[in-house]
Amino acid sequence: MKSDRLLSILLLLQTRGRVTAPELAERLEVSVRTVYRDVEALSVSGVPVYAERGRHGGIELLAGFRTDVTGLTADESRALFVLAAQGAHAALGLDSALGSALRKVMAALPAPHRPAAEVTSRRVLVDATRWKGGPQPAADLDVLQDAVFTDRRLRLRYRHSGERALRTYTVDPYGLVAKAGVWYLVADRRGLPRLFRVDRVRSAAVLDDPVRRRPGVELAEVWEELRRQVEERPGGVDVTVRVRRDRLDLFQRLMTPYLAELPEGDGASGWVTARLVFGAVVEARQLLMFSDRVEVLAPPEVRAELAGAAASVTDLYQRAGEGSGENPSSDGVL
């Protein structure tokens, strides 16, 4: 543990420059006294580190000192090669940079760790897209990236779902988030957090004005707030269904966005009871894709909605058969 801590101090100082002892203590979750003991140990081992006391003091490495030690453990080395959402790098124009970075990391790894890292890169693949999600519209992230990294305000021409008209917004971006293959811009509008799907941005312009974010607020914090609002949105329709076990796997894959609870079912009956939450009654119509392998138990209005939809489909095909003059039961003999 001490050797890991010493290496962490060394890398922090190399990256950050002068750092105060209390800040190091907080980052490493030790006491300030322990930090000073560790600094002394580094100095004894030949690392040119020194501490300056006083209001503007801190701990610092001698100017120009660098170390090529990565300090990566075997598990850390493997973790670097398990890359989630590979498409994210392509969308940001970083595919070639990623490949180059990984080659450099591989060269810098301690020799005993290289085989495990290489095997991991060939044996583990993370695909963040949903099953049967379909191709997502290409997202033009160039202008949005420019605003995010230069800390400038953005003017968007944006189309909301279900609307044809475009709306214009001036926003203060925190950053970009890729979730399940979909890119989102996280930004404040008039001081309130907003979420914009990048594939609905019809045009974007970086303004000369500096961004006006809320003080002390970071991207991860705003994203968590917005994500919670979406997932815990009130007013949903709570639907209880029973599912045939032979369709359970398919049901879980396709209904994951709506699945609230999937308890154990009665093994003897061959059915499993599940609970779904839809935004509106009409959204439950997609359960018809499972035919008689899924039955809605409650509420009555959802059962009525599905019964009405099924009756409409039956009537449509019956009328189509009558209009063609064909006998659906004919065996083809004239």
C-alpha atoms as a PDB file:
ATOM      1  CA  MET A   1       0.000   0.000   0.000  1.00  0.00           C
ATOM      2  CA  LYS A   2       2.819   2.427   0.852  1.00  0.00           C
ATOM      3  CA  SER A   3       4.615   1.819  -2.450  1.00  0.00           C
ATOM      4  CA  ASP A   4       1.372   2.519  -4.355  1.00  0.00           C
ATOM      5  CA  ARG A   5       0.900   5.704  -2.339  1.00  0.00           C
ATOM      6  CA  LEU A   6       4.459   6.889  -3.019  1.00  0.00           C
ATOM      7  CA  LEU A   7       3.989   6.295  -6.718  1.00  0.00           C
ATOM      8  CA  SER A   8       0.648   8.139  -6.640  1.00  0.00           C
ATOM      9  CA  ILE A   9       2.302  11.153  -4.995  1.00  0.00           C
ATOM     10  CA  LEU A  10       5.078  11.106  -7.585  1.00  0.00           C
ATOM     11  CA  LEU A  11       2.657  10.972 -10.521  1.00  0.00           C
ATOM     12  CA  LEU A  12       0.390  13.657  -9.035  1.00  0.00           C
ATOM     13  CA  LEU A  13       3.314  16.019  -8.552  1.00  0.00           C
ATOM     14  CA  GLN A  14       4.577  15.285 -12.041  1.00  0.00           C
ATOM     15  CA  THR A  15       1.149  16.029 -13.513  1.00  0.00           C
ATOM     16  CA  ARG A  16      -0.042  18.895 -11.335  1.00  0.00           C
ATOM     17  CA  GLY A  17       3.156  20.685 -10.313  1.00  0.00           C
ATOM     18  CA  ARG A  18       2.951  22.181  -6.827  1.00  0.00           C
ATOM     19  CA  VAL A  19       0.310  20.530  -4.613  1.00  0.00           C
ATOM     20  CA  THR A  20      -0.432  21.286  -0.972  1.00  0.00           C
ATOM     21  CA  ALA A  21      -0.053  18.584   1.662  1.00  0.00           C
ATOM     22  CA  PRO A  22      -3.743  18.804   2.715  1.00  0.00           C
ATOM     23  CA  GLU A  23      -4.805  18.296  -0.904  1.00  0.00           C
ATOM     24  CA  LEU A  24      -2.555  15.251  -1.261  1.00  0.00           C
ATOM     25  CA  ALA A  25      -3.858  13.901   2.042  1.00  0.00           C
ATOM     26  CA  GLU A  26      -7.437  14.263   0.838  1.00  0.00           C
ATOM     27  CA  ARG A  27      -6.727  12.624  -2.519  1.00  0.00           C
ATOM     28  CA  LEU A  28      -4.904   9.688  -0.921  1.00  0.00           C
ATOM     29  CA  GLU A  29      -7.208   9.435   2.109  1.00  0.00           C
ATOM     30  CA  VAL A  30      -4.374   9.679   4.641  1.00  0.00           C
ATOM     31  CA  SER A  31      -3.269  12.246   7.212  1.00  0.00           C
ATOM     32  CA  VAL A  32      -1.110  15.261   6.413  1.00  0.00           C
ATOM     33  CA  ARG A  33       1.566  13.813   8.680  1.00  0.00           C
ATOM     34  CA  THR A  34       1.607  10.636   6.560  1.00  0.00           C
ATOM     35  CA  VAL A  35       2.015  12.745   3.422  1.00  0.00           C
ATOM     36  CA  TYR A  36       5.109  14.453   4.857  1.00  0.00           C
ATOM     37  CA  ARG A  37       6.558  11.071   5.867  1.00  0.00           C
ATOM     38  CA  ASP A  38       5.970   9.785   2.326  1.00  0.00           C
ATOM     39  CA  VAL A  39       7.627  12.876   0.825  1.00  0.00           C
ATOM     40  CA  GLU A  40      10.641  12.259   3.029  1.00  0.00           C
ATOM     41  CA  ALA A  41      10.744   8.633   1.862  1.00  0.00           C
ATOM     42  CA  LEU A  42      10.686   9.757  -1.770  1.00  0.00           C
ATOM     43  CA  SER A  43      13.530  12.164  -1.111  1.00  0.00           C
ATOM     44  CA  VAL A  44      15.620   9.474   0.574  1.00  0.00           C
ATOM     45  CA  SER A  45      15.070   7.186  -2.440  1.00  0.00           C
ATOM     46  CA  GLY A  46      16.556   9.805  -4.756  1.00  0.00           C
ATOM     47  CA  VAL A  47      13.471  11.633  -6.029  1.00  0.00           C
ATOM     48  CA  PRO A  48      14.160  15.422  -6.071  1.00  0.00           C
ATOM     49  CA  VAL A  49      11.080  16.482  -4.123  1.00  0.00           C
ATOM     50  CA  TYR A  50      10.867  19.327  -1.656  1.00  0.00           C
ATOM     51  CA  ALA A  51       8.248  21.071   0.477  1.00  0.00           C
ATOM     52  CA  GLU A  52       7.754  24.782   1.068  1.00  0.00           C
ATOM     53  CA  ARG A  53       5.740  25.900   4.043  1.00  0.00           C
ATOM     54  CA  GLY A  54       3.641  29.019   4.270  1.00  0.00           C
ATOM     55  CA  ARG A  55       0.488  30.401   2.733  1.00  0.00           C
ATOM     56  CA  HIS A  56       1.592  29.817  -0.867  1.00  0.00           C
ATOM     57  CA  GLY A  57       3.701  26.753  -0.142  1.00  0.00           C
ATOM     58  CA  GLY A  58       3.290  23.169  -1.185  1.00  0.00           C
ATOM     59  CA  ILE A  59       5.096  20.038  -2.281  1.00  0.00           C
ATOM     60  CA  GLU A  60       6.864  20.083  -5.632  1.00  0.00           C
ATOM     61  CA  LEU A  61       9.355  18.192  -7.794  1.00  0.00           C
ATOM     62  CA  LEU A  62      12.578  19.809  -8.919  1.00  0.00           C
ATOM     63  CA  ALA A  63      12.006  21.582 -12.248  1.00  0.00           C
ATOM     64  CA  GLY A  64      12.660  19.324 -15.238  1.00  0.00           C
ATOM     65  CA  PHE A  65      12.462  16.036 -13.345  1.00  0.00           C
ATOM     66  CA  ARG A  66      10.378  13.364 -15.131  1.00  0.00           C
ATOM     67  CA  THR A  67       9.884   9.646 -14.641  1.00  0.00           C
ATOM     68  CA  ASP A  68       8.838   7.121 -17.253  1.00  0.00           C
ATOM     69  CA  VAL A  69       7.445   4.725 -14.648  1.00  0.00           C
ATOM     70  CA  THR A  70       3.784   4.008 -15.445  1.00  0.00           C
ATOM     71  CA  GLY A  71       3.002   2.441 -12.083  1.00  0.00           C
ATOM     72  CA  LEU A  72       0.298   0.293 -13.647  1.00  0.00           C
ATOM     73  CA  THR A  73      -0.641  -2.977 -11.998  1.00  0.00           C
ATOM     74  CA  ALA A  74      -1.627  -6.033 -14.025  1.00  0.00           C
ATOM     75  CA  ASP A  75      -5.366  -5.371 -13.525  1.00  0.00           C
ATOM     76  CA  GLU A  76      -4.952  -1.677 -14.397  1.00  0.00           C
ATOM     77  CA  SER A  77      -3.123  -2.628 -17.579  1.00  0.00           C
ATOM     78  CA  ARG A  78      -5.925  -4.971 -18.623  1.00  0.00           C
ATOM     79  CA  ALA A  79      -8.596  -2.398 -17.764  1.00  0.00           C
ATOM     80  CA  LEU A  80      -7.119   0.093 -20.236  1.00  0.00           C
ATOM     81  CA  PHE A  81      -7.757  -2.322 -23.090  1.00  0.00           C
ATOM     82  CA  VAL A  82     -11.416  -2.959 -22.275  1.00  0.00           C
ATOM     83  CA  LEU A  83     -12.805  -0.030 -24.211  1.00  0.00           C
ATOM     84  CA  ALA A  84     -16.517   0.688 -23.856  1.00  0.00           C
ATOM     85  CA  ALA A  85     -18.466   2.439 -26.621  1.00  0.00           C
ATOM     86  CA  GLN A  86     -15.825   2.155 -29.324  1.00  0.00           C
ATOM     87  CA  GLY A  87     -18.051   4.127 -31.685  1.00  0.00           C
ATOM     88  CA  ALA A  88     -17.632   7.143 -29.432  1.00  0.00           C
ATOM     89  CA  HIS A  89     -14.028   7.540 -30.507  1.00  0.00           C
ATOM     90  CA  ALA A  90     -14.973   7.488 -34.183  1.00  0.00           C
ATOM     91  CA  ALA A  91     -17.713  10.089 -33.657  1.00  0.00           C
ATOM     92  CA  LEU A  92     -15.207  12.377 -31.962  1.00  0.00           C
ATOM     93  CA  GLY A  93     -12.598  11.808 -34.660  1.00  0.00           C
ATOM     94  CA  LEU A  94     -10.305  10.052 -32.203  1.00  0.00           C
ATOM     95  CA  ASP A  95     -10.093   6.530 -33.651  1.00  0.00           C
ATOM     96  CA  SER A  96      -6.549   6.919 -34.968  1.00  0.00           C
ATOM     97  CA  ALA A  97      -5.480   8.763 -31.817  1.00  0.00           C
ATOM     98  CA  LEU A  98      -6.899   5.957 -29.683  1.00  0.00           C
ATOM     99  CA  GLY A  99      -4.988   3.310 -31.592  1.00  0.00           C
ATOM    100  CA  SER A 100      -1.786   5.319 -31.331  1.00  0.00           C
ATOM    101  CA  ALA A 101      -2.296   5.912 -27.596  1.00  0.00           C
ATOM    102  CA  LEU A 102      -2.860   2.224 -26.912  1.00  0.00           C
ATOM    103  CA  ARG A 103       0.286   1.283 -28.815  1.00  0.00           C
ATOM    104  CA  LYS A 104       2.255   3.748 -26.701  1.00  0.00           C
ATOM    105  CA  VAL A 105       0.696   2.418 -23.504  1.00  0.00           C
ATOM    106  CA  MET A 106       1.520  -1.132 -24.563  1.00  0.00           C
ATOM    107  CA  ALA A 107       5.150  -0.151 -25.142  1.00  0.00           C
ATOM    108  CA  ALA A 108       5.316   1.549 -21.733  1.00  0.00           C
ATOM    109  CA  LEU A 109       3.800  -1.355 -19.809  1.00  0.00           C
ATOM    110  CA  PRO A 110       6.061  -3.504 -17.653  1.00  0.00           C
ATOM    111  CA  ALA A 111       7.009  -6.557 -19.716  1.00  0.00           C
ATOM    112  CA  PRO A 112       5.173  -9.082 -17.462  1.00  0.00           C
ATOM    113  CA  HIS A 113       1.865  -7.205 -17.980  1.00  0.00           C
ATOM    114  CA  ARG A 114       1.957  -6.943 -21.787  1.00  0.00           C
ATOM    115  CA  PRO A 115       0.668 -10.458 -22.669  1.00  0.00           C
ATOM    116  CA  ALA A 116      -2.381 -10.091 -20.392  1.00  0.00           C
ATOM    117  CA  ALA A 117      -3.213  -6.655 -21.829  1.00  0.00           C
ATOM    118  CA  GLU A 118      -2.897  -7.920 -25.397  1.00  0.00           C
ATOM    119  CA  VAL A 119      -5.089 -10.958 -24.722  1.00  0.00           C
ATOM    120  CA  THR A 120      -7.701  -8.728 -23.074  1.00  0.00           C
ATOM    121  CA  SER A 121      -7.903  -6.495 -26.145  1.00  0.00           C
ATOM    122  CA  ARG A 122      -8.642  -9.586 -28.299  1.00  0.00           C
ATOM    123  CA  ARG A 123     -10.916 -11.461 -25.895  1.00  0.00           C
ATOM    124  CA  VAL A 124     -13.208  -8.738 -24.476  1.00  0.00           C
ATOM    125  CA  LEU A 125     -15.484  -6.499 -26.570  1.00  0.00           C
ATOM    126  CA  VAL A 126     -17.964  -4.002 -25.174  1.00  0.00           C
ATOM    127  CA  ASP A 127     -20.863  -3.018 -27.460  1.00  0.00           C
ATOM    128  CA  ALA A 128     -22.896  -0.236 -25.844  1.00  0.00           C
ATOM    129  CA  THR A 129     -25.727  -0.253 -28.401  1.00  0.00           C
ATOM    130  CA  ARG A 130     -29.082  -1.865 -27.586  1.00  0.00           C
ATOM    131  CA  TRP A 131     -30.403  -4.976 -29.327  1.00  0.00           C
ATOM    132  CA  LYS A 132     -32.387  -4.158 -32.449  1.00  0.00           C
ATOM    133  CA  GLY A 133     -31.794  -0.499 -31.768  1.00  0.00           C
ATOM    134  CA  GLY A 134     -31.393   0.206 -35.483  1.00  0.00           C
ATOM    135  CA  PRO A 135     -28.822   2.556 -36.985  1.00  0.00           C
ATOM    136  CA  GLN A 136     -28.620   5.931 -35.294  1.00  0.00           C
ATOM    137  CA  PRO A 137     -28.490   9.096 -37.408  1.00  0.00           C
ATOM    138  CA  ALA A 138     -24.978  10.410 -37.788  1.00  0.00           C
ATOM    139  CA  ALA A 139     -24.202  13.123 -35.261  1.00  0.00           C
ATOM    140  CA  ASP A 140     -22.091  16.111 -36.329  1.00  0.00           C
ATOM    141  CA  LEU A 141     -20.093  16.792 -33.198  1.00  0.00           C
ATOM    142  CA  ASP A 142     -17.432  19.130 -34.590  1.00  0.00           C
ATOM    143  CA  VAL A 143     -19.093  22.442 -33.682  1.00  0.00           C
ATOM    144  CA  LEU A 144     -20.348  21.117 -30.340  1.00  0.00           C
ATOM    145  CA  GLN A 145     -16.873  19.886 -29.436  1.00  0.00           C
ATOM    146  CA  ASP A 146     -15.445  23.265 -30.345  1.00  0.00           C
ATOM    147  CA  ALA A 147     -17.800  25.017 -27.921  1.00  0.00           C
ATOM    148  CA  VAL A 148     -17.245  22.449 -25.171  1.00  0.00           C
ATOM    149  CA  PHE A 149     -13.448  22.616 -25.293  1.00  0.00           C
ATOM    150  CA  THR A 150     -13.143  26.381 -25.809  1.00  0.00           C
ATOM    151  CA  ASP A 151     -15.727  27.206 -23.112  1.00  0.00           C
ATOM    152  CA  ARG A 152     -17.990  29.203 -25.437  1.00  0.00           C
ATOM    153  CA  ARG A 153     -21.743  29.570 -25.595  1.00  0.00           C
ATOM    154  CA  LEU A 154     -23.730  27.826 -28.323  1.00  0.00           C
ATOM    155  CA  ARG A 155     -26.688  28.826 -30.461  1.00  0.00           C
ATOM    156  CA  LEU A 156     -28.707  25.791 -31.547  1.00  0.00           C
ATOM    157  CA  ARG A 157     -31.436  25.231 -34.111  1.00  0.00           C
ATOM    158  CA  TYR A 158     -33.159  22.207 -32.613  1.00  0.00           C
ATOM    159  CA  ARG A 159     -36.077  19.945 -33.524  1.00  0.00           C
ATOM    160  CA  HIS A 160     -37.946  18.330 -30.644  1.00  0.00           C
ATOM    161  CA  SER A 161     -39.446  14.858 -31.010  1.00  0.00           C
ATOM    162  CA  GLY A 162     -42.878  15.027 -32.622  1.00  0.00           C
ATOM    163  CA  GLU A 163     -42.413  18.605 -33.827  1.00  0.00           C
ATOM    164  CA  ARG A 164     -41.688  19.853 -37.345  1.00  0.00           C
ATOM    165  CA  ALA A 165     -40.812  23.434 -36.506  1.00  0.00           C
ATOM    166  CA  LEU A 166     -37.293  24.234 -35.344  1.00  0.00           C
ATOM    167  CA  ARG A 167     -36.582  26.109 -32.137  1.00  0.00           C
ATOM    168  CA  THR A 168     -33.619  28.351 -31.394  1.00  0.00           C
ATOM    169  CA  TYR A 169     -31.761  28.094 -28.085  1.00  0.00           C
ATOM    170  CA  THR A 170     -28.712  29.826 -26.641  1.00  0.00           C
ATOM    171  CA  VAL A 171     -27.069  27.444 -24.190  1.00  0.00           C
ATOM    172  CA  ASP A 172     -24.052  27.094 -21.914  1.00  0.00           C
ATOM    173  CA  PRO A 173     -22.536  23.643 -22.538  1.00  0.00           C
ATOM    174  CA  TYR A 174     -21.032  21.435 -19.838  1.00  0.00           C
ATOM    175  CA  GLY A 175     -20.052  18.626 -22.181  1.00  0.00           C
ATOM    176  CA  LEU A 176     -21.082  15.689 -24.343  1.00  0.00           C
ATOM    177  CA  VAL A 177     -22.396  12.310 -23.180  1.00  0.00           C
ATOM    178  CA  ALA A 178     -22.739   9.092 -25.203  1.00  0.00           C
ATOM    179  CA  LYS A 179     -25.415   6.764 -23.823  1.00  0.00           C
ATOM    180  CA  ALA A 180     -26.356   3.493 -25.551  1.00  0.00           C
ATOM    181  CA  GLY A 181     -25.018   4.769 -28.878  1.00  0.00           C
ATOM    182  CA  VAL A 182     -26.829   8.124 -28.683  1.00  0.00           C
ATOM    183  CA  TRP A 183     -24.973  11.413 -28.174  1.00  0.00           C
ATOM    184  CA  TYR A 184     -26.363  14.146 -25.919  1.00  0.00           C
ATOM    185  CA  LEU A 185     -25.312  17.721 -25.284  1.00  0.00           C
ATOM    186  CA  VAL A 186     -25.588  18.623 -21.595  1.00  0.00           C
ATOM    187  CA  ALA A 187     -26.037  22.365 -21.142  1.00  0.00           C
ATOM    188  CA  ASP A 188     -27.671  25.086 -19.093  1.00  0.00           C
ATOM    189  CA  ARG A 189     -30.356  27.258 -20.650  1.00  0.00           C
ATOM    190  CA  ARG A 190     -31.142  30.359 -18.616  1.00  0.00           C
ATOM    191  CA  GLY A 191     -29.418  28.758 -15.640  1.00  0.00           C
ATOM    192  CA  LEU A 192     -31.402  25.500 -15.753  1.00  0.00           C
ATOM    193  CA  PRO A 193     -30.024  22.097 -16.863  1.00  0.00           C
ATOM    194  CA  ARG A 194     -31.182  20.816 -20.258  1.00  0.00           C
ATOM    195  CA  LEU A 195     -30.526  17.750 -22.375  1.00  0.00           C
ATOM    196  CA  PHE A 196     -30.293  17.949 -26.191  1.00  0.00           C
ATOM    197  CA  ARG A 197     -30.035  14.925 -28.510  1.00  0.00           C
ATOM    198  CA  VAL A 198     -27.224  15.680 -30.923  1.00  0.00           C
ATOM    199  CA  ASP A 199     -28.994  14.027 -33.877  1.00  0.00           C
ATOM    200  CA  ARG A 200     -31.833  16.552 -33.468  1.00  0.00           C
ATOM    201  CA  VAL A 201     -29.512  19.546 -33.710  1.00  0.00           C
ATOM    202  CA  ARG A 202     -30.070  20.956 -37.193  1.00  0.00           C
ATOM    203  CA  SER A 203     -27.396  23.639 -36.904  1.00  0.00           C
ATOM    204  CA  ALA A 204     -25.056  24.965 -34.246  1.00  0.00           C
ATOM    205  CA  ALA A 205     -22.897  28.080 -34.001  1.00  0.00           C
ATOM    206  CA  VAL A 206     -20.201  28.866 -31.451  1.00  0.00           C
ATOM    207  CA  LEU A 207     -20.657  32.350 -30.033  1.00  0.00           C
ATOM    208  CA  ASP A 208     -17.936  34.759 -28.966  1.00  0.00           C
ATOM    209  CA  ASP A 209     -19.417  34.948 -25.464  1.00  0.00           C
ATOM    210  CA  PRO A 210     -17.709  32.842 -22.776  1.00  0.00           C
ATOM    211  CA  VAL A 211     -19.745  30.044 -21.274  1.00  0.00           C
ATOM    212  CA  ARG A 212     -21.783  30.894 -18.149  1.00  0.00           C
ATOM    213  CA  ARG A 213     -21.897  27.706 -16.127  1.00  0.00           C
ATOM    214  CA  ARG A 214     -23.100  27.537 -12.553  1.00  0.00           C
ATOM    215  CA  PRO A 215     -20.081  27.893 -10.232  1.00  0.00           C
ATOM    216  CA  GLY A 216     -18.655  24.614  -8.958  1.00  0.00           C
ATOM    217  CA  VAL A 217     -20.972  22.438 -11.076  1.00  0.00           C
ATOM    218  CA  GLU A 218     -19.405  19.705 -13.242  1.00  0.00           C
ATOM    219  CA  LEU A 219     -20.651  17.644 -16.192  1.00  0.00           C
ATOM    220  CA  ALA A 220     -21.078  14.406 -14.210  1.00  0.00           C
ATOM    221  CA  GLU A 221     -23.263  16.151 -11.638  1.00  0.00           C
ATOM    222  CA  VAL A 222     -25.550  17.751 -14.238  1.00  0.00           C
ATOM    223  CA  TRP A 223     -25.809  14.512 -16.218  1.00  0.00           C
ATOM    224  CA  GLU A 224     -26.811  12.564 -13.112  1.00  0.00           C
ATOM    225  CA  GLU A 225     -29.528  15.113 -12.344  1.00  0.00           C
ATOM    226  CA  LEU A 226     -30.922  14.985 -15.904  1.00  0.00           C
ATOM    227  CA  ARG A 227     -30.667  11.193 -16.098  1.00  0.00           C
ATOM    228  CA  ARG A 228     -32.603  10.866 -12.862  1.00  0.00           C
ATOM    229  CA  GLN A 229     -35.297  13.226 -14.143  1.00  0.00           C
ATOM    230  CA  VAL A 230     -35.757  11.105 -17.271  1.00  0.00           C
ATOM    231  CA  GLU A 231     -35.802   7.748 -15.492  1.00  0.00           C
ATOM    232  CA  GLU A 232     -37.966   8.875 -12.582  1.00  0.00           C
ATOM    233  CA  ARG A 233     -40.382  10.973 -14.624  1.00  0.00           C
ATOM    234  CA  PRO A 234     -43.806  10.875 -12.905  1.00  0.00           C
ATOM    235  CA  GLY A 235     -47.089  10.136 -14.621  1.00  0.00           C
ATOM    236  CA  GLY A 236     -46.096   6.806 -16.157  1.00  0.00           C
ATOM    237  CA  VAL A 237     -48.548   3.977 -16.747  1.00  0.00           C
ATOM    238  CA  ASP A 238     -47.775   1.014 -14.488  1.00  0.00           C
ATOM    239  CA  VAL A 239     -48.537  -2.236 -16.354  1.00  0.00           C
ATOM    240  CA  THR A 240     -48.464  -5.764 -14.957  1.00  0.00           C
ATOM    241  CA  VAL A 241     -48.011  -8.578 -17.478  1.00  0.00           C
ATOM    242  CA  ARG A 242     -47.341 -12.260 -17.517  1.00  0.00           C
ATOM    243  CA  VAL A 243     -44.804 -13.677 -19.955  1.00  0.00           C
ATOM    244  CA  ARG A 244     -44.326 -17.196 -21.287  1.00  0.00           C
ATOM    245  CA  ARG A 245     -40.953 -18.537 -20.200  1.00  0.00           C
ATOM    246  CA  ASP A 246     -40.063 -19.471 -23.793  1.00  0.00           C
ATOM    247  CA  ARG A 247     -40.222 -15.769 -24.705  1.00  0.00           C
ATOM    248  CA  LEU A 248     -38.687 -14.376 -21.515  1.00  0.00           C
ATOM    249  CA  ASP A 249     -35.216 -13.693 -22.934  1.00  0.00           C
ATOM    250  CA  LEU A 250     -36.583 -11.870 -25.989  1.00  0.00           C
ATOM    251  CA  PHE A 251     -39.061  -9.967 -23.809  1.00  0.00           C
ATOM    252  CA  GLN A 252     -36.286  -8.747 -21.501  1.00  0.00           C
ATOM    253  CA  ARG A 253     -34.093  -7.602 -24.390  1.00  0.00           C
ATOM    254  CA  LEU A 254     -36.820  -5.662 -26.183  1.00  0.00           C
ATOM    255  CA  MET A 255     -38.603  -4.279 -23.126  1.00  0.00           C
ATOM    256  CA  THR A 256     -35.552  -3.252 -21.096  1.00  0.00           C
ATOM    257  CA  PRO A 257     -36.305   0.520 -21.336  1.00  0.00           C
ATOM    258  CA  TYR A 258     -39.729  -0.061 -19.746  1.00  0.00           C
ATOM    259  CA  LEU A 259     -38.960  -2.918 -17.370  1.00  0.00           C
ATOM    260  CA  ALA A 260     -39.465  -1.954 -13.726  1.00  0.00           C
ATOM    261  CA  GLU A 261     -39.596  -5.370 -12.086  1.00  0.00           C
ATOM    262  CA  LEU A 262     -39.092  -8.974 -13.154  1.00  0.00           C
ATOM    263  CA  PRO A 263     -39.734 -11.284 -10.185  1.00  0.00           C
ATOM    264  CA  GLU A 264     -39.467 -15.052 -10.184  1.00  0.00           C
ATOM    265  CA  GLY A 265     -42.474 -16.812 -11.635  1.00  0.00           C
ATOM    266  CA  ASP A 266     -44.255 -20.032 -10.837  1.00  0.00           C
ATOM    267  CA  GLY A 267     -42.173 -22.757 -12.418  1.00  0.00           C
ATOM    268  CA  ALA A 268     -45.154 -25.077 -12.671  1.00  0.00           C
ATOM    269  CA  SER A 269     -47.294 -22.655 -14.689  1.00  0.00           C
ATOM    270  CA  GLY A 270     -44.685 -21.712 -17.284  1.00  0.00           C
ATOM    271  CA  TRP A 271     -45.427 -17.986 -16.828  1.00  0.00           C
ATOM    272  CA  VAL A 272     -43.435 -15.156 -15.245  1.00  0.00           C
ATOM    273  CA  THR A 273     -45.061 -11.973 -13.967  1.00  0.00           C
ATOM    274  CA  ALA A 274     -43.343  -8.681 -14.767  1.00  0.00           C
ATOM    275  CA  ARG A 275     -44.027  -4.972 -14.232  1.00  0.00           C
ATOM    276  CA  LEU A 276     -43.516  -2.328 -16.917  1.00  0.00           C
ATOM    277  CA  VAL A 277     -43.836   1.447 -16.910  1.00  0.00           C
ATOM    278  CA  PHE A 278     -44.908   3.177 -20.138  1.00  0.00           C
ATOM    279  CA  GLY A 279     -45.158   6.902 -20.747  1.00  0.00           C
ATOM    280  CA  ALA A 280     -48.715   6.552 -22.072  1.00  0.00           C
ATOM    281  CA  VAL A 281     -51.357   3.849 -22.535  1.00  0.00           C
ATOM    282  CA  VAL A 282     -50.867   3.780 -26.295  1.00  0.00           C
ATOM    283  CA  GLU A 283     -47.164   2.864 -25.875  1.00  0.00           C
ATOM    284  CA  ALA A 284     -48.257  -0.530 -24.524  1.00  0.00           C
ATOM    285  CA  ARG A 285     -49.356  -1.509 -28.059  1.00  0.00           C
ATOM    286  CA  GLN A 286     -45.832  -2.729 -28.720  1.00  0.00           C
ATOM    287  CA  LEU A 287     -46.624  -5.708 -26.462  1.00  0.00           C
ATOM    288  CA  LEU A 288     -48.703  -7.063 -29.357  1.00  0.00           C
ATOM    289  CA  MET A 289     -45.459  -8.134 -31.049  1.00  0.00           C
ATOM    290  CA  PHE A 290     -45.351 -11.036 -28.578  1.00  0.00           C
ATOM    291  CA  SER A 291     -48.789 -12.296 -29.659  1.00  0.00           C
ATOM    292  CA  ASP A 292     -50.282 -14.667 -27.057  1.00  0.00           C
ATOM    293  CA  ARG A 293     -46.937 -15.091 -25.271  1.00  0.00           C
ATOM    294  CA  VAL A 294     -47.538 -11.924 -23.230  1.00  0.00           C
ATOM    295  CA  GLU A 295     -50.799 -11.062 -21.466  1.00  0.00           C
ATOM    296  CA  VAL A 296     -51.582  -7.765 -19.745  1.00  0.00           C
ATOM    297  CA  LEU A 297     -53.103  -8.382 -16.338  1.00  0.00           C
ATOM    298  CA  ALA A 298     -53.603  -4.758 -15.277  1.00  0.00           C
ATOM    299  CA  PRO A 299     -54.673  -2.004 -15.577  1.00  0.00           C
ATOM    300  CA  PRO A 300     -58.011  -2.470 -17.414  1.00  0.00           C
ATOM    301  CA  GLU A 301     -57.430   0.519 -19.729  1.00  0.00           C
ATOM    302  CA  VAL A 302     -54.282  -1.079 -21.141  1.00  0.00           C
ATOM    303  CA  ARG A 303     -56.087  -4.382 -21.700  1.00  0.00           C
ATOM    304  CA  ALA A 304     -58.819  -2.444 -23.525  1.00  0.00           C
ATOM    305  CA  GLU A 305     -56.238  -0.575 -25.613  1.00  0.00           C
ATOM    306  CA  LEU A 306     -54.592  -3.805 -26.756  1.00  0.00           C
ATOM    307  CA  ALA A 307     -57.920  -5.537 -27.386  1.00  0.00           C
ATOM    308  CA  GLY A 308     -59.050  -2.590 -29.507  1.00  0.00           C
ATOM    309  CA  ALA A 309     -55.788  -2.545 -31.466  1.00  0.00           C
ATOM    310  CA  ALA A 310     -55.966  -6.307 -32.100  1.00  0.00           C
ATOM    311  CA  ALA A 311     -59.601  -6.010 -33.233  1.00  0.00           C
ATOM    312  CA  SER A 312     -58.660  -3.232 -35.657  1.00  0.00           C
ATOM    313  CA  VAL A 313     -55.921  -5.368 -37.198  1.00  0.00           C
ATOM    314  CA  THR A 314     -58.286  -8.347 -37.514  1.00  0.00           C
ATOM    315  CA  ASP A 315     -60.930  -6.181 -39.165  1.00  0.00           C
ATOM    316  CA  LEU A 316     -58.358  -4.717 -41.567  1.00  0.00           C
ATOM    317  CA  TYR A 317     -57.264  -8.089 -42.880  1.00  0.00           C
ATOM    318  CA  GLN A 318     -60.772  -9.475 -43.020  1.00  0.00           C
ATOM    319  CA  ARG A 319     -61.903  -6.525 -45.162  1.00  0.00           C
ATOM    320  CA  ALA A 320     -58.795  -6.883 -47.331  1.00  0.00           C
ATOM    321  CA  GLY A 321     -59.637 -10.538 -47.978  1.00  0.00           C
ATOM    322  CA  GLU A 322     -63.268  -9.717 -48.837  1.00  0.00           C
ATOM    323  CA  GLY A 323     -62.211  -6.940 -51.200  1.00  0.00           C
ATOM    324  CA  SER A 324     -59.922  -9.228 -53.185  1.00  0.00           C
ATOM    325  CA  GLY A 325     -62.741 -11.699 -53.846  1.00  0.00           C
ATOM    326  CA  GLU A 326     -60.628 -14.564 -52.580  1.00  0.00           C
ATOM    327  CA  ASN A 327     -61.767 -17.220 -50.167  1.00  0.00           C
ATOM    328  CA  PRO A 328     -59.205 -17.342 -47.333  1.00  0.00           C
ATOM    329  CA  SER A 329     -60.075 -20.998 -46.757  1.00  0.00           C
ATOM    330  CA  SER A 330     -59.663 -22.048 -50.379  1.00  0.00           C
ATOM    331  CA  ASP A 331     -57.192 -24.834 -51.046  1.00  0.00           C
ATOM    332  CA  GLY A 332     -56.473 -23.475 -54.542  1.00  0.00           C
ATOM    333  CA  VAL A 333     -58.730 -25.973 -56.445  1.00  0.00           C
ATOM    334  CA  LEU A 334     -61.096 -24.260 -58.960  1.00  0.00           C
END
